[in-house]
Amino acid sequence: MTATQTPEPVYHTKGEIERETLAVYRRAQSYGWGDGMAEQAAAEFYAYQMAELKKRQGSEIRSVCAWCGAHIGGPVNAPPERTSHGICARCRRTVEAELGMEVTA
């Protein structure tokens, strides 16, 4: 990307992509493109953005408590190979009380 180019927007939900796909279709029609060309442009945009969204969602890591298994952060439905472990606030307080010292995680 050069200094004069603007970064491509990042869409975070399927709904955002669907709304922008409709905007792409309407914009293509406003350029005088026929329905077939406008539909093709919108379809290509939708397919590309959905693939990018899926890649981004697949790269996120879920974090769970190593003591109780509670969800701490990240996508809830991430696969096991995309899961990391930490300690939740409740378990941290329990461990600190049992050990009589502060736990850093």
PDB file of N, CA and C in Angstrom:
ATOM      1  N   MET A   1       0.852  -1.177   0.000  1.00  0.00           N
ATOM      2  CA  MET A   1       0.000   0.000   0.000  1.00  0.00           C
ATOM      3  C   MET A   1       0.897   1.239   0.000  1.00  0.00           C
ATOM      4  N   THR A   2       0.600   2.164  -0.885  1.00  0.00           N
ATOM      5  CA  THR A   2       1.361   3.400  -0.949  1.00  0.00           C
ATOM      6  C   THR A   2       0.729   4.440  -0.029  1.00  0.00           C
ATOM      7  N   ALA A   3       1.405   5.568   0.097  1.00  0.00           N
ATOM      8  CA  ALA A   3       0.935   6.621   1.002  1.00  0.00           C
ATOM      9  C   ALA A   3      -0.412   7.196   0.562  1.00  0.00           C
ATOM     10  N   THR A   4      -0.741   7.107  -0.732  1.00  0.00           N
ATOM     11  CA  THR A   4      -1.997   7.686  -1.210  1.00  0.00           C
ATOM     12  C   THR A   4      -3.166   6.707  -1.147  1.00  0.00           C
ATOM     13  N   GLN A   5      -2.891   5.425  -0.921  1.00  0.00           N
ATOM     14  CA  GLN A   5      -3.968   4.447  -0.846  1.00  0.00           C
ATOM     15  C   GLN A   5      -4.549   4.399   0.561  1.00  0.00           C
ATOM     16  N   THR A   6      -5.840   4.163   0.622  1.00  0.00           N
ATOM     17  CA  THR A   6      -6.472   4.003   1.929  1.00  0.00           C
ATOM     18  C   THR A   6      -6.594   2.515   2.218  1.00  0.00           C
ATOM     19  N   PRO A   7      -6.499   2.110   3.481  1.00  0.00           N
ATOM     20  CA  PRO A   7      -6.605   0.699   3.799  1.00  0.00           C
ATOM     21  C   PRO A   7      -8.015   0.176   3.515  1.00  0.00           C
ATOM     22  N   GLU A   8      -8.088  -1.099   3.126  1.00  0.00           N
ATOM     23  CA  GLU A   8      -9.384  -1.730   2.866  1.00  0.00           C
ATOM     24  C   GLU A   8     -10.121  -1.902   4.183  1.00  0.00           C
ATOM     25  N   PRO A   9     -11.416  -1.586   4.224  1.00  0.00           N
ATOM     26  CA  PRO A   9     -12.160  -1.753   5.476  1.00  0.00           C
ATOM     27  C   PRO A   9     -12.209  -3.220   5.896  1.00  0.00           C
ATOM     28  N   VAL A  10     -12.266  -3.445   7.185  1.00  0.00           N
ATOM     29  CA  VAL A  10     -12.373  -4.787   7.725  1.00  0.00           C
ATOM     30  C   VAL A  10     -13.789  -4.955   8.274  1.00  0.00           C
ATOM     31  N   TYR A  11     -14.465  -5.996   7.818  1.00  0.00           N
ATOM     32  CA  TYR A  11     -15.833  -6.276   8.256  1.00  0.00           C
ATOM     33  C   TYR A  11     -15.780  -7.366   9.314  1.00  0.00           C
ATOM     34  N   HIS A  12     -16.514  -7.181  10.404  1.00  0.00           N
ATOM     35  CA  HIS A  12     -16.436  -8.078  11.554  1.00  0.00           C
ATOM     36  C   HIS A  12     -17.599  -9.051  11.668  1.00  0.00           C
ATOM     37  N   THR A  13     -18.664  -8.819  10.909  1.00  0.00           N
ATOM     38  CA  THR A  13     -19.820  -9.711  10.986  1.00  0.00           C
ATOM     39  C   THR A  13     -20.365  -9.979   9.589  1.00  0.00           C
ATOM     40  N   LYS A  14     -21.119 -11.066   9.470  1.00  0.00           N
ATOM     41  CA  LYS A  14     -21.762 -11.403   8.204  1.00  0.00           C
ATOM     42  C   LYS A  14     -22.753 -10.309   7.810  1.00  0.00           C
ATOM     43  N   GLY A  15     -23.448  -9.737   8.790  1.00  0.00           N
ATOM     44  CA  GLY A  15     -24.394  -8.662   8.518  1.00  0.00           C
ATOM     45  C   GLY A  15     -23.736  -7.444   7.895  1.00  0.00           C
ATOM     46  N   GLU A  16     -22.558  -7.069   8.393  1.00  0.00           N
ATOM     47  CA  GLU A  16     -21.826  -5.936   7.812  1.00  0.00           C
ATOM     48  C   GLU A  16     -21.466  -6.227   6.362  1.00  0.00           C
ATOM     49  N   ILE A  17     -21.023  -7.447   6.106  1.00  0.00           N
ATOM     50  CA  ILE A  17     -20.643  -7.830   4.743  1.00  0.00           C
ATOM     51  C   ILE A  17     -21.864  -7.814   3.829  1.00  0.00           C
ATOM     52  N   GLU A  18     -22.992  -8.322   4.312  1.00  0.00           N
ATOM     53  CA  GLU A  18     -24.208  -8.324   3.495  1.00  0.00           C
ATOM     54  C   GLU A  18     -24.666  -6.905   3.161  1.00  0.00           C
ATOM     55  N   ARG A  19     -24.599  -5.993   4.139  1.00  0.00           N
ATOM     56  CA  ARG A  19     -24.991  -4.600   3.880  1.00  0.00           C
ATOM     57  C   ARG A  19     -24.070  -3.966   2.843  1.00  0.00           C
ATOM     58  N   GLU A  20     -22.773  -4.211   2.982  1.00  0.00           N
ATOM     59  CA  GLU A  20     -21.826  -3.615   2.034  1.00  0.00           C
ATOM     60  C   GLU A  20     -21.946  -4.264   0.658  1.00  0.00           C
ATOM     61  N   THR A  21     -22.312  -5.537   0.600  1.00  0.00           N
ATOM     62  CA  THR A  21     -22.520  -6.205  -0.689  1.00  0.00           C
ATOM     63  C   THR A  21     -23.646  -5.532  -1.458  1.00  0.00           C
ATOM     64  N   LEU A  22     -24.724  -5.194  -0.758  1.00  0.00           N
ATOM     65  CA  LEU A  22     -25.821  -4.479  -1.397  1.00  0.00           C
ATOM     66  C   LEU A  22     -25.345  -3.113  -1.898  1.00  0.00           C
ATOM     67  N   ALA A  23     -24.509  -2.453  -1.114  1.00  0.00           N
ATOM     68  CA  ALA A  23     -23.969  -1.151  -1.530  1.00  0.00           C
ATOM     69  C   ALA A  23     -23.085  -1.308  -2.768  1.00  0.00           C
ATOM     70  N   VAL A  24     -22.306  -2.379  -2.831  1.00  0.00           N
ATOM     71  CA  VAL A  24     -21.463  -2.636  -4.011  1.00  0.00           C
ATOM     72  C   VAL A  24     -22.355  -2.827  -5.237  1.00  0.00           C
ATOM     73  N   TYR A  25     -23.424  -3.599  -5.077  1.00  0.00           N
ATOM     74  CA  TYR A  25     -24.361  -3.837  -6.182  1.00  0.00           C
ATOM     75  C   TYR A  25     -24.964  -2.518  -6.671  1.00  0.00           C
ATOM     76  N   ARG A  26     -25.440  -1.707  -5.741  1.00  0.00           N
ATOM     77  CA  ARG A  26     -26.056  -0.429  -6.117  1.00  0.00           C
ATOM     78  C   ARG A  26     -25.045   0.524  -6.762  1.00  0.00           C
ATOM     79  N   ARG A  27     -23.819   0.518  -6.224  1.00  0.00           N
ATOM     80  CA  ARG A  27     -22.775   1.380  -6.780  1.00  0.00           C
ATOM     81  C   ARG A  27     -22.456   0.946  -8.216  1.00  0.00           C
ATOM     82  N   ALA A  28     -22.374  -0.359  -8.449  1.00  0.00           N
ATOM     83  CA  ALA A  28     -22.096  -0.864  -9.797  1.00  0.00           C
ATOM     84  C   ALA A  28     -23.219  -0.455 -10.761  1.00  0.00           C
ATOM     85  N   GLN A  29     -24.456  -0.526 -10.308  1.00  0.00           N
ATOM     86  CA  GLN A  29     -25.573  -0.095 -11.154  1.00  0.00           C
ATOM     87  C   GLN A  29     -25.484   1.398 -11.456  1.00  0.00           C
ATOM     88  N   SER A  30     -25.047   2.185 -10.469  1.00  0.00           N
ATOM     89  CA  SER A  30     -24.940   3.631 -10.684  1.00  0.00           C
ATOM     90  C   SER A  30     -23.843   3.974 -11.699  1.00  0.00           C
ATOM     91  N   TYR A  31     -22.891   3.055 -11.897  1.00  0.00           N
ATOM     92  CA  TYR A  31     -21.845   3.240 -12.908  1.00  0.00           C
ATOM     93  C   TYR A  31     -22.369   2.921 -14.306  1.00  0.00           C
ATOM     94  N   GLY A  32     -23.624   2.420 -14.373  1.00  0.00           N
ATOM     95  CA  GLY A  32     -24.203   2.068 -15.656  1.00  0.00           C
ATOM     96  C   GLY A  32     -23.984   0.608 -16.032  1.00  0.00           C
ATOM     97  N   TRP A  33     -23.472  -0.176 -15.087  1.00  0.00           N
ATOM     98  CA  TRP A  33     -23.274  -1.599 -15.362  1.00  0.00           C
ATOM     99  C   TRP A  33     -24.633  -2.272 -15.417  1.00  0.00           C
ATOM    100  N   GLY A  34     -24.763  -3.285 -16.248  1.00  0.00           N
ATOM    101  CA  GLY A  34     -25.998  -4.055 -16.317  1.00  0.00           C
ATOM    102  C   GLY A  34     -26.170  -4.885 -15.064  1.00  0.00           C
ATOM    103  N   ASP A  35     -27.375  -5.431 -14.902  1.00  0.00           N
ATOM    104  CA  ASP A  35     -27.656  -6.231 -13.702  1.00  0.00           C
ATOM    105  C   ASP A  35     -26.683  -7.399 -13.550  1.00  0.00           C
ATOM    106  N   GLY A  36     -26.362  -8.059 -14.654  1.00  0.00           N
ATOM    107  CA  GLY A  36     -25.448  -9.204 -14.586  1.00  0.00           C
ATOM    108  C   GLY A  36     -24.071  -8.820 -14.076  1.00  0.00           C
ATOM    109  N   MET A  37     -23.527  -7.716 -14.584  1.00  0.00           N
ATOM    110  CA  MET A  37     -22.205  -7.259 -14.143  1.00  0.00           C
ATOM    111  C   MET A  37     -22.246  -6.783 -12.699  1.00  0.00           C
ATOM    112  N   ALA A  38     -23.322  -6.092 -12.320  1.00  0.00           N
ATOM    113  CA  ALA A  38     -23.452  -5.606 -10.944  1.00  0.00           C
ATOM    114  C   ALA A  38     -23.565  -6.788  -9.978  1.00  0.00           C
ATOM    115  N   GLU A  39     -24.350  -7.802 -10.376  1.00  0.00           N
ATOM    116  CA  GLU A  39     -24.477  -9.001  -9.536  1.00  0.00           C
ATOM    117  C   GLU A  39     -23.149  -9.727  -9.403  1.00  0.00           C
ATOM    118  N   GLN A  40     -22.398  -9.802 -10.492  1.00  0.00           N
ATOM    119  CA  GLN A  40     -21.092 -10.465 -10.454  1.00  0.00           C
ATOM    120  C   GLN A  40     -20.138  -9.721  -9.515  1.00  0.00           C
ATOM    121  N   ALA A  41     -20.109  -8.400  -9.598  1.00  0.00           N
ATOM    122  CA  ALA A  41     -19.238  -7.606  -8.725  1.00  0.00           C
ATOM    123  C   ALA A  41     -19.619  -7.812  -7.263  1.00  0.00           C
ATOM    124  N   ALA A  42     -20.916  -7.812  -6.983  1.00  0.00           N
ATOM    125  CA  ALA A  42     -21.382  -8.005  -5.608  1.00  0.00           C
ATOM    126  C   ALA A  42     -21.061  -9.410  -5.121  1.00  0.00           C
ATOM    127  N   ALA A  43     -21.241 -10.407  -5.980  1.00  0.00           N
ATOM    128  CA  ALA A  43     -20.959 -11.793  -5.598  1.00  0.00           C
ATOM    129  C   ALA A  43     -19.474 -11.991  -5.299  1.00  0.00           C
ATOM    130  N   GLU A  44     -18.616 -11.405  -6.111  1.00  0.00           N
ATOM    131  CA  GLU A  44     -17.177 -11.518  -5.883  1.00  0.00           C
ATOM    132  C   GLU A  44     -16.775 -10.825  -4.582  1.00  0.00           C
ATOM    133  N   PHE A  45     -17.348  -9.659  -4.351  1.00  0.00           N
ATOM    134  CA  PHE A  45     -17.078  -8.942  -3.102  1.00  0.00           C
ATOM    135  C   PHE A  45     -17.496  -9.780  -1.900  1.00  0.00           C
ATOM    136  N   TYR A  46     -18.716 -10.328  -1.958  1.00  0.00           N
ATOM    137  CA  TYR A  46     -19.254 -11.128  -0.849  1.00  0.00           C
ATOM    138  C   TYR A  46     -18.381 -12.355  -0.589  1.00  0.00           C
ATOM    139  N   ALA A  47     -18.034 -13.078  -1.641  1.00  0.00           N
ATOM    140  CA  ALA A  47     -17.227 -14.292  -1.474  1.00  0.00           C
ATOM    141  C   ALA A  47     -15.861 -13.967  -0.863  1.00  0.00           C
ATOM    142  N   TYR A  48     -15.228 -12.926  -1.355  1.00  0.00           N
ATOM    143  CA  TYR A  48     -13.910 -12.545  -0.834  1.00  0.00           C
ATOM    144  C   TYR A  48     -13.996 -12.134   0.633  1.00  0.00           C
ATOM    145  N   GLN A  49     -14.965 -11.273   0.964  1.00  0.00           N
ATOM    146  CA  GLN A  49     -15.068 -10.780   2.336  1.00  0.00           C
ATOM    147  C   GLN A  49     -15.441 -11.892   3.316  1.00  0.00           C
ATOM    148  N   MET A  50     -16.313 -12.815   2.902  1.00  0.00           N
ATOM    149  CA  MET A  50     -16.672 -13.930   3.782  1.00  0.00           C
ATOM    150  C   MET A  50     -15.473 -14.839   4.013  1.00  0.00           C
ATOM    151  N   ALA A  51     -14.654 -15.067   2.984  1.00  0.00           N
ATOM    152  CA  ALA A  51     -13.442 -15.878   3.156  1.00  0.00           C
ATOM    153  C   ALA A  51     -12.475 -15.193   4.113  1.00  0.00           C
ATOM    154  N   GLU A  52     -12.327 -13.884   3.992  1.00  0.00           N
ATOM    155  CA  GLU A  52     -11.437 -13.139   4.899  1.00  0.00           C
ATOM    156  C   GLU A  52     -11.958 -13.182   6.336  1.00  0.00           C
ATOM    157  N   LEU A  53     -13.272 -13.040   6.505  1.00  0.00           N
ATOM    158  CA  LEU A  53     -13.871 -13.101   7.836  1.00  0.00           C
ATOM    159  C   LEU A  53     -13.617 -14.467   8.457  1.00  0.00           C
ATOM    160  N   LYS A  54     -13.802 -15.514   7.683  1.00  0.00           N
ATOM    161  CA  LYS A  54     -13.587 -16.865   8.187  1.00  0.00           C
ATOM    162  C   LYS A  54     -12.126 -17.069   8.596  1.00  0.00           C
ATOM    163  N   LYS A  55     -11.186 -16.524   7.811  1.00  0.00           N
ATOM    164  CA  LYS A  55      -9.766 -16.633   8.169  1.00  0.00           C
ATOM    165  C   LYS A  55      -9.480 -15.909   9.476  1.00  0.00           C
ATOM    166  N   ARG A  56     -10.042 -14.691   9.605  1.00  0.00           N
ATOM    167  CA  ARG A  56      -9.799 -13.929  10.840  1.00  0.00           C
ATOM    168  C   ARG A  56     -10.387 -14.645  12.042  1.00  0.00           C
ATOM    169  N   GLN A  57     -11.586 -15.169  11.906  1.00  0.00           N
ATOM    170  CA  GLN A  57     -12.224 -15.861  13.022  1.00  0.00           C
ATOM    171  C   GLN A  57     -11.474 -17.136  13.372  1.00  0.00           C
ATOM    172  N   GLY A  58     -10.915 -17.802  12.376  1.00  0.00           N
ATOM    173  CA  GLY A  58     -10.153 -19.026  12.611  1.00  0.00           C
ATOM    174  C   GLY A  58      -8.814 -18.779  13.255  1.00  0.00           C
ATOM    175  N   SER A  59      -8.331 -17.533  13.209  1.00  0.00           N
ATOM    176  CA  SER A  59      -7.019 -17.241  13.784  1.00  0.00           C
ATOM    177  C   SER A  59      -7.113 -16.723  15.218  1.00  0.00           C
ATOM    178  N   GLU A  60      -8.317 -16.487  15.694  1.00  0.00           N
ATOM    179  CA  GLU A  60      -8.477 -16.002  17.055  1.00  0.00           C
ATOM    180  C   GLU A  60      -8.331 -17.150  18.048  1.00  0.00           C
ATOM    181  N   ILE A  61      -7.790 -16.840  19.194  1.00  0.00           N
ATOM    182  CA  ILE A  61      -7.546 -17.854  20.216  1.00  0.00           C
ATOM    183  C   ILE A  61      -8.513 -17.669  21.376  1.00  0.00           C
ATOM    184  N   ARG A  62      -9.108 -18.766  21.778  1.00  0.00           N
ATOM    185  CA  ARG A  62     -10.004 -18.766  22.931  1.00  0.00           C
ATOM    186  C   ARG A  62      -9.147 -18.960  24.175  1.00  0.00           C
ATOM    187  N   SER A  63      -9.501 -18.302  25.247  1.00  0.00           N
ATOM    188  CA  SER A  63      -8.791 -18.438  26.514  1.00  0.00           C
ATOM    189  C   SER A  63      -9.758 -18.977  27.560  1.00  0.00           C
ATOM    190  N   VAL A  64      -9.328 -20.042  28.250  1.00  0.00           N
ATOM    191  CA  VAL A  64     -10.147 -20.638  29.307  1.00  0.00           C
ATOM    192  C   VAL A  64      -9.328 -20.754  30.586  1.00  0.00           C
ATOM    193  N   CYS A  65     -10.028 -20.825  31.714  1.00  0.00           N
ATOM    194  CA  CYS A  65      -9.376 -20.968  33.006  1.00  0.00           C
ATOM    195  C   CYS A  65      -8.836 -22.393  33.132  1.00  0.00           C
ATOM    196  N   ALA A  66      -7.579 -22.524  33.473  1.00  0.00           N
ATOM    197  CA  ALA A  66      -6.957 -23.846  33.619  1.00  0.00           C
ATOM    198  C   ALA A  66      -7.468 -24.574  34.862  1.00  0.00           C
ATOM    199  N   TRP A  67      -8.071 -23.856  35.809  1.00  0.00           N
ATOM    200  CA  TRP A  67      -8.563 -24.477  37.036  1.00  0.00           C
ATOM    201  C   TRP A  67     -10.001 -24.958  36.892  1.00  0.00           C
ATOM    202  N   CYS A  68     -10.883 -24.079  36.415  1.00  0.00           N
ATOM    203  CA  CYS A  68     -12.308 -24.439  36.380  1.00  0.00           C
ATOM    204  C   CYS A  68     -12.871 -24.597  34.969  1.00  0.00           C
ATOM    205  N   GLY A  69     -12.112 -24.193  33.953  1.00  0.00           N
ATOM    206  CA  GLY A  69     -12.569 -24.320  32.574  1.00  0.00           C
ATOM    207  C   GLY A  69     -13.469 -23.203  32.090  1.00  0.00           C
ATOM    208  N   ALA A  70     -13.651 -22.157  32.897  1.00  0.00           N
ATOM    209  CA  ALA A  70     -14.517 -21.040  32.500  1.00  0.00           C
ATOM    210  C   ALA A  70     -13.918 -20.284  31.313  1.00  0.00           C
ATOM    211  N   HIS A  71     -14.776 -19.771  30.451  1.00  0.00           N
ATOM    212  CA  HIS A  71     -14.350 -18.970  29.304  1.00  0.00           C
ATOM    213  C   HIS A  71     -13.832 -17.622  29.805  1.00  0.00           C
ATOM    214  N   ILE A  72     -12.625 -17.255  29.390  1.00  0.00           N
ATOM    215  CA  ILE A  72     -12.036 -15.981  29.800  1.00  0.00           C
ATOM    216  C   ILE A  72     -12.096 -14.959  28.674  1.00  0.00           C
ATOM    217  N   GLY A  73     -11.838 -15.384  27.445  1.00  0.00           N
ATOM    218  CA  GLY A  73     -11.850 -14.451  26.328  1.00  0.00           C
ATOM    219  C   GLY A  73     -11.738 -15.157  24.995  1.00  0.00           C
ATOM    220  N   GLY A  74     -11.908 -14.390  23.910  1.00  0.00           N
ATOM    221  CA  GLY A  74     -11.835 -14.941  22.569  1.00  0.00           C
ATOM    222  C   GLY A  74     -13.136 -15.592  22.149  1.00  0.00           C
ATOM    223  N   PRO A  75     -13.146 -16.209  20.957  1.00  0.00           N
ATOM    224  CA  PRO A  75     -14.376 -16.823  20.461  1.00  0.00           C
ATOM    225  C   PRO A  75     -14.764 -18.040  21.292  1.00  0.00           C
ATOM    226  N   VAL A  76     -16.025 -18.138  21.632  1.00  0.00           N
ATOM    227  CA  VAL A  76     -16.515 -19.232  22.471  1.00  0.00           C
ATOM    228  C   VAL A  76     -16.373 -20.576  21.768  1.00  0.00           C
ATOM    229  N   ASN A  77     -16.604 -20.619  20.477  1.00  0.00           N
ATOM    230  CA  ASN A  77     -16.619 -21.881  19.753  1.00  0.00           C
ATOM    231  C   ASN A  77     -15.312 -22.199  19.034  1.00  0.00           C
ATOM    232  N   ALA A  78     -14.189 -21.651  19.489  1.00  0.00           N
ATOM    233  CA  ALA A  78     -12.904 -21.931  18.851  1.00  0.00           C
ATOM    234  C   ALA A  78     -12.544 -23.405  19.037  1.00  0.00           C
ATOM    235  N   PRO A  79     -11.880 -24.003  18.049  1.00  0.00           N
ATOM    236  CA  PRO A  79     -11.498 -25.407  18.179  1.00  0.00           C
ATOM    237  C   PRO A  79     -10.441 -25.591  19.268  1.00  0.00           C
ATOM    238  N   PRO A  80     -10.309 -26.805  19.795  1.00  0.00           N
ATOM    239  CA  PRO A  80      -9.351 -27.054  20.884  1.00  0.00           C
ATOM    240  C   PRO A  80      -7.914 -26.636  20.557  1.00  0.00           C
ATOM    241  N   GLU A  81      -7.521 -26.782  19.298  1.00  0.00           N
ATOM    242  CA  GLU A  81      -6.145 -26.401  18.935  1.00  0.00           C
ATOM    243  C   GLU A  81      -5.931 -24.888  18.939  1.00  0.00           C
ATOM    244  N   ARG A  82      -7.009 -24.099  19.060  1.00  0.00           N
ATOM    245  CA  ARG A  82      -6.911 -22.645  19.135  1.00  0.00           C
ATOM    246  C   ARG A  82      -7.293 -22.167  20.536  1.00  0.00           C
ATOM    247  N   THR A  83      -6.974 -22.979  21.569  1.00  0.00           N
ATOM    248  CA  THR A  83      -7.334 -22.658  22.946  1.00  0.00           C
ATOM    249  C   THR A  83      -6.082 -22.485  23.790  1.00  0.00           C
ATOM    250  N   SER A  84      -6.064 -21.426  24.577  1.00  0.00           N
ATOM    251  CA  SER A  84      -4.987 -21.164  25.516  1.00  0.00           C
ATOM    252  C   SER A  84      -5.581 -21.156  26.922  1.00  0.00           C
ATOM    253  N   HIS A  85      -4.738 -21.199  27.923  1.00  0.00           N
ATOM    254  CA  HIS A  85      -5.231 -21.283  29.297  1.00  0.00           C
ATOM    255  C   HIS A  85      -4.658 -20.158  30.160  1.00  0.00           C
ATOM    256  N   GLY A  86      -5.448 -19.741  31.120  1.00  0.00           N
ATOM    257  CA  GLY A  86      -5.057 -18.731  32.094  1.00  0.00           C
ATOM    258  C   GLY A  86      -5.770 -19.056  33.387  1.00  0.00           C
ATOM    259  N   ILE A  87      -6.069 -18.008  34.148  1.00  0.00           N
ATOM    260  CA  ILE A  87      -6.793 -18.216  35.403  1.00  0.00           C
ATOM    261  C   ILE A  87      -7.851 -17.126  35.518  1.00  0.00           C
ATOM    262  N   CYS A  88      -9.078 -17.532  35.850  1.00  0.00           N
ATOM    263  CA  CYS A  88     -10.170 -16.561  35.975  1.00  0.00           C
ATOM    264  C   CYS A  88     -10.050 -15.845  37.321  1.00  0.00           C
ATOM    265  N   ALA A  89     -10.771 -14.762  37.476  1.00  0.00           N
ATOM    266  CA  ALA A  89     -10.702 -13.948  38.688  1.00  0.00           C
ATOM    267  C   ALA A  89     -11.108 -14.744  39.930  1.00  0.00           C
ATOM    268  N   ARG A  90     -12.167 -15.554  39.818  1.00  0.00           N
ATOM    269  CA  ARG A  90     -12.638 -16.326  40.967  1.00  0.00           C
ATOM    270  C   ARG A  90     -11.579 -17.342  41.422  1.00  0.00           C
ATOM    271  N   CYS A  91     -11.025 -18.088  40.476  1.00  0.00           N
ATOM    272  CA  CYS A  91      -9.994 -19.079  40.840  1.00  0.00           C
ATOM    273  C   CYS A  91      -8.730 -18.395  41.347  1.00  0.00           C
ATOM    274  N   ARG A  92      -8.409 -17.245  40.776  1.00  0.00           N
ATOM    275  CA  ARG A  92      -7.226 -16.513  41.230  1.00  0.00           C
ATOM    276  C   ARG A  92      -7.376 -16.116  42.702  1.00  0.00           C
ATOM    277  N   ARG A  93      -8.551 -15.599  43.068  1.00  0.00           N
ATOM    278  CA  ARG A  93      -8.774 -15.217  44.469  1.00  0.00           C
ATOM    279  C   ARG A  93      -8.672 -16.439  45.376  1.00  0.00           C
ATOM    280  N   THR A  94      -9.217 -17.568  44.931  1.00  0.00           N
ATOM    281  CA  THR A  94      -9.166 -18.801  45.730  1.00  0.00           C
ATOM    282  C   THR A  94      -7.728 -19.261  45.917  1.00  0.00           C
ATOM    283  N   VAL A  95      -6.966 -19.298  44.841  1.00  0.00           N
ATOM    284  CA  VAL A  95      -5.566 -19.742  44.913  1.00  0.00           C
ATOM    285  C   VAL A  95      -4.750 -18.787  45.777  1.00  0.00           C
ATOM    286  N   GLU A  96      -4.961 -17.499  45.608  1.00  0.00           N
ATOM    287  CA  GLU A  96      -4.227 -16.521  46.427  1.00  0.00           C
ATOM    288  C   GLU A  96      -4.548 -16.728  47.911  1.00  0.00           C
ATOM    289  N   ALA A  97      -5.810 -16.971  48.250  1.00  0.00           N
ATOM    290  CA  ALA A  97      -6.188 -17.176  49.643  1.00  0.00           C
ATOM    291  C   ALA A  97      -5.555 -18.457  50.192  1.00  0.00           C
ATOM    292  N   GLU A  98      -5.558 -19.521  49.389  1.00  0.00           N
ATOM    293  CA  GLU A  98      -4.967 -20.780  49.827  1.00  0.00           C
ATOM    294  C   GLU A  98      -3.454 -20.690  50.007  1.00  0.00           C
ATOM    295  N   LEU A  99      -2.798 -19.966  49.088  1.00  0.00           N
ATOM    296  CA  LEU A  99      -1.333 -19.857  49.153  1.00  0.00           C
ATOM    297  C   LEU A  99      -0.880 -18.712  50.042  1.00  0.00           C
ATOM    298  N   GLY A 100      -1.759 -17.774  50.294  1.00  0.00           N
ATOM    299  CA  GLY A 100      -1.382 -16.611  51.100  1.00  0.00           C
ATOM    300  C   GLY A 100      -0.447 -15.684  50.337  1.00  0.00           C
ATOM    301  N   MET A 101      -0.543 -15.683  49.030  1.00  0.00           N
ATOM    302  CA  MET A 101       0.320 -14.831  48.214  1.00  0.00           C
ATOM    303  C   MET A 101      -0.394 -14.428  46.927  1.00  0.00           C
ATOM    304  N   GLU A 102       0.141 -13.412  46.245  1.00  0.00           N
ATOM    305  CA  GLU A 102      -0.460 -12.931  45.011  1.00  0.00           C
ATOM    306  C   GLU A 102      -0.027 -13.807  43.848  1.00  0.00           C
ATOM    307  N   VAL A 103      -0.988 -14.156  42.996  1.00  0.00           N
ATOM    308  CA  VAL A 103      -0.719 -14.974  41.815  1.00  0.00           C
ATOM    309  C   VAL A 103      -0.670 -14.049  40.614  1.00  0.00           C
ATOM    310  N   THR A 104       0.375 -14.183  39.801  1.00  0.00           N
ATOM    311  CA  THR A 104       0.446 -13.435  38.552  1.00  0.00           C
ATOM    312  C   THR A 104       0.350 -14.416  37.408  1.00  0.00           C
ATOM    313  N   ALA A 105      -0.556 -14.122  36.481  1.00  0.00           N
ATOM    314  CA  ALA A 105      -0.745 -15.024  35.335  1.00  0.00           C
ATOM    315  C   ALA A 105      -0.772 -14.258  34.064  1.00  0.00           C
TER     316      ALA A 105
END
